[in-house]
Amino acid sequence: QVQLVESGGGLVQAGGSLRLSCTASGRTFSTYTMAWFRQVPGKEREFVSAITRSGVTTYYADSVKGRFTISRDNAKNTVYLQMNSLKPEDTAVYYCAARRSSYIPGSQLYDYWGQGTQVTVSS
């Protein structure tokens, strides 16, 4: 069993930055593909970004490409999401997720999910 705990959310003005962190329990963090998703109440959860086990390859939704950066530190069991040039439309609850298998575009079939952290961007 893996537990994921997100942190770093908050309120920021448009154009500002936030860095989200997600720390995993256990000793197998490096064997998981990690991803970030977000969800606005009343809307479907959407993919934001993912990173392979080694951290070499990253994936982004078109809406965040060039503004967000995903990274991971396997020694610290932590994945990060650096969010720059934030827009009001980035407002959502952000979830960290882990899957044992490789990244599959469009898939939300992840084995473990965090509880989420709220990001609010004011205009």
Protein backbone atom coordinates (compact mmCIF):
# COMPACT_ATOMS: atom_id res chain seq x y z
CA GLN A 1 0.00 0.00 0.00
CA VAL A 2 1.25 3.46 -0.92
CA GLN A 3 0.00 6.64 0.68
CA LEU A 4 0.37 9.92 -1.18
CA VAL A 5 0.26 13.26 0.60
CA GLU A 6 0.12 16.49 -1.37
CA SER A 7 1.11 19.90 -0.10
CA GLY A 8 1.89 23.36 -1.41
CA GLY A 9 -1.50 24.49 -2.58
CA GLY A 10 -2.90 27.89 -1.75
CA LEU A 11 -4.14 31.22 -3.03
CA VAL A 12 -2.06 33.13 -5.55
CA GLN A 13 -2.63 36.02 -7.92
CA ALA A 14 -2.68 35.50 -11.64
CA GLY A 15 0.84 35.43 -13.00
CA GLY A 16 2.21 34.03 -9.78
CA SER A 17 3.80 30.69 -8.98
CA LEU A 18 3.27 27.74 -6.69
CA ARG A 19 5.11 24.48 -6.19
CA LEU A 20 3.15 21.41 -5.26
CA SER A 21 4.77 18.45 -3.58
CA CYS A 22 3.58 14.89 -3.22
CA THR A 23 5.37 12.57 -0.83
CA ALA A 24 4.84 8.84 -0.94
CA SER A 25 5.14 6.30 1.83
CA GLY A 26 7.05 3.07 1.34
CA ARG A 27 10.30 2.08 -0.31
CA THR A 28 9.10 1.48 -3.86
CA PHE A 29 8.52 5.05 -5.01
CA SER A 30 11.03 4.76 -7.84
CA THR A 31 9.03 1.93 -9.39
CA TYR A 32 5.93 4.09 -9.95
CA THR A 33 4.98 6.35 -12.78
CA MET A 34 3.77 9.55 -11.13
CA ALA A 35 1.22 12.07 -12.33
CA TRP A 36 -0.75 15.14 -11.42
CA PHE A 37 -4.43 15.60 -12.18
CA ARG A 38 -6.82 18.40 -11.31
CA GLN A 39 -10.54 18.76 -10.87
CA VAL A 40 -12.98 21.61 -10.62
CA PRO A 41 -16.29 20.92 -8.84
CA GLY A 42 -18.88 19.83 -11.36
CA LYS A 43 -16.30 19.00 -14.01
CA GLU A 44 -14.38 15.89 -14.92
CA ARG A 45 -10.95 15.30 -13.51
CA GLU A 46 -8.28 16.17 -16.07
CA PHE A 47 -4.70 15.16 -16.65
CA VAL A 48 -2.05 17.78 -15.95
CA SER A 49 1.34 16.10 -16.12
CA ALA A 50 3.19 12.81 -15.68
CA ILE A 51 6.75 11.62 -15.22
CA THR A 52 8.38 8.27 -15.81
CA ARG A 53 10.01 6.20 -13.08
CA SER A 54 13.48 7.49 -13.85
CA GLY A 55 12.32 11.06 -14.31
CA VAL A 56 13.82 11.23 -17.78
CA THR A 57 10.56 11.64 -19.68
CA THR A 58 7.73 14.02 -18.84
CA TYR A 59 4.29 14.63 -20.28
CA TYR A 60 2.03 17.66 -20.12
CA ALA A 61 -1.47 18.69 -21.00
CA ASP A 62 -1.49 21.33 -23.72
CA SER A 63 -3.12 23.79 -21.32
CA VAL A 64 -0.09 23.80 -19.00
CA LYS A 65 2.77 23.14 -21.40
CA GLY A 66 5.48 25.76 -21.05
CA ARG A 67 4.15 26.94 -17.68
CA PHE A 68 4.27 23.84 -15.46
CA THR A 69 7.22 21.56 -14.77
CA ILE A 70 7.02 18.14 -13.20
CA SER A 71 10.03 16.58 -11.49
CA ARG A 72 10.79 13.88 -8.97
CA ASP A 73 13.35 13.05 -6.33
CA ASN A 74 13.34 9.30 -5.82
CA ALA A 75 15.64 9.60 -2.83
CA LYS A 76 12.99 11.71 -1.10
CA ASN A 77 9.97 9.77 -2.40
CA THR A 78 8.61 13.04 -3.71
CA VAL A 79 7.20 14.36 -6.96
CA TYR A 80 6.87 18.07 -7.60
CA LEU A 81 4.79 20.30 -9.83
CA GLN A 82 6.23 23.75 -10.36
CA MET A 83 3.47 26.00 -11.62
CA ASN A 84 4.40 29.35 -13.13
CA SER A 85 2.40 32.05 -14.90
CA LEU A 86 -0.72 30.81 -13.17
CA LYS A 87 -4.10 31.70 -14.62
CA PRO A 88 -7.54 31.79 -12.98
CA GLU A 89 -8.49 28.77 -15.08
CA ASP A 90 -5.80 26.77 -13.25
CA THR A 91 -7.95 26.96 -10.12
CA ALA A 92 -8.77 23.40 -9.05
CA VAL A 93 -8.03 20.67 -6.57
CA TYR A 94 -4.77 19.06 -7.63
CA TYR A 95 -4.26 15.35 -7.08
CA CYS A 96 -1.12 13.29 -7.13
CA ALA A 97 -1.36 9.74 -8.48
CA ALA A 98 0.90 6.70 -8.82
CA ARG A 99 0.74 3.69 -11.11
CA ARG A 100 2.90 0.60 -11.27
CA SER A 101 2.87 0.37 -15.03
CA SER A 102 4.11 2.77 -17.65
CA TYR A 103 2.46 6.01 -18.62
CA ILE A 104 -0.46 5.66 -21.03
CA PRO A 105 -1.75 8.85 -22.65
CA GLY A 106 -5.33 9.55 -21.67
CA SER A 107 -5.48 6.95 -18.92
CA GLN A 108 -6.65 7.78 -15.43
CA LEU A 109 -6.14 4.22 -14.23
CA TYR A 110 -3.74 4.87 -11.40
CA ASP A 111 -3.24 2.58 -8.44
CA TYR A 112 -2.99 5.23 -5.74
CA TRP A 113 -4.30 8.74 -5.27
CA GLY A 114 -3.63 11.51 -2.81
CA GLN A 115 -6.29 13.48 -1.00
CA GLY A 116 -5.77 16.60 -3.10
CA THR A 117 -4.61 20.14 -2.47
CA GLN A 118 -6.54 23.26 -3.42
CA VAL A 119 -5.01 25.78 -5.79
CA THR A 120 -6.86 29.06 -6.23
CA VAL A 121 -5.69 31.70 -8.69
CA SER A 122 -7.29 35.10 -8.37
CA SER A 123 -7.61 37.52 -11.27
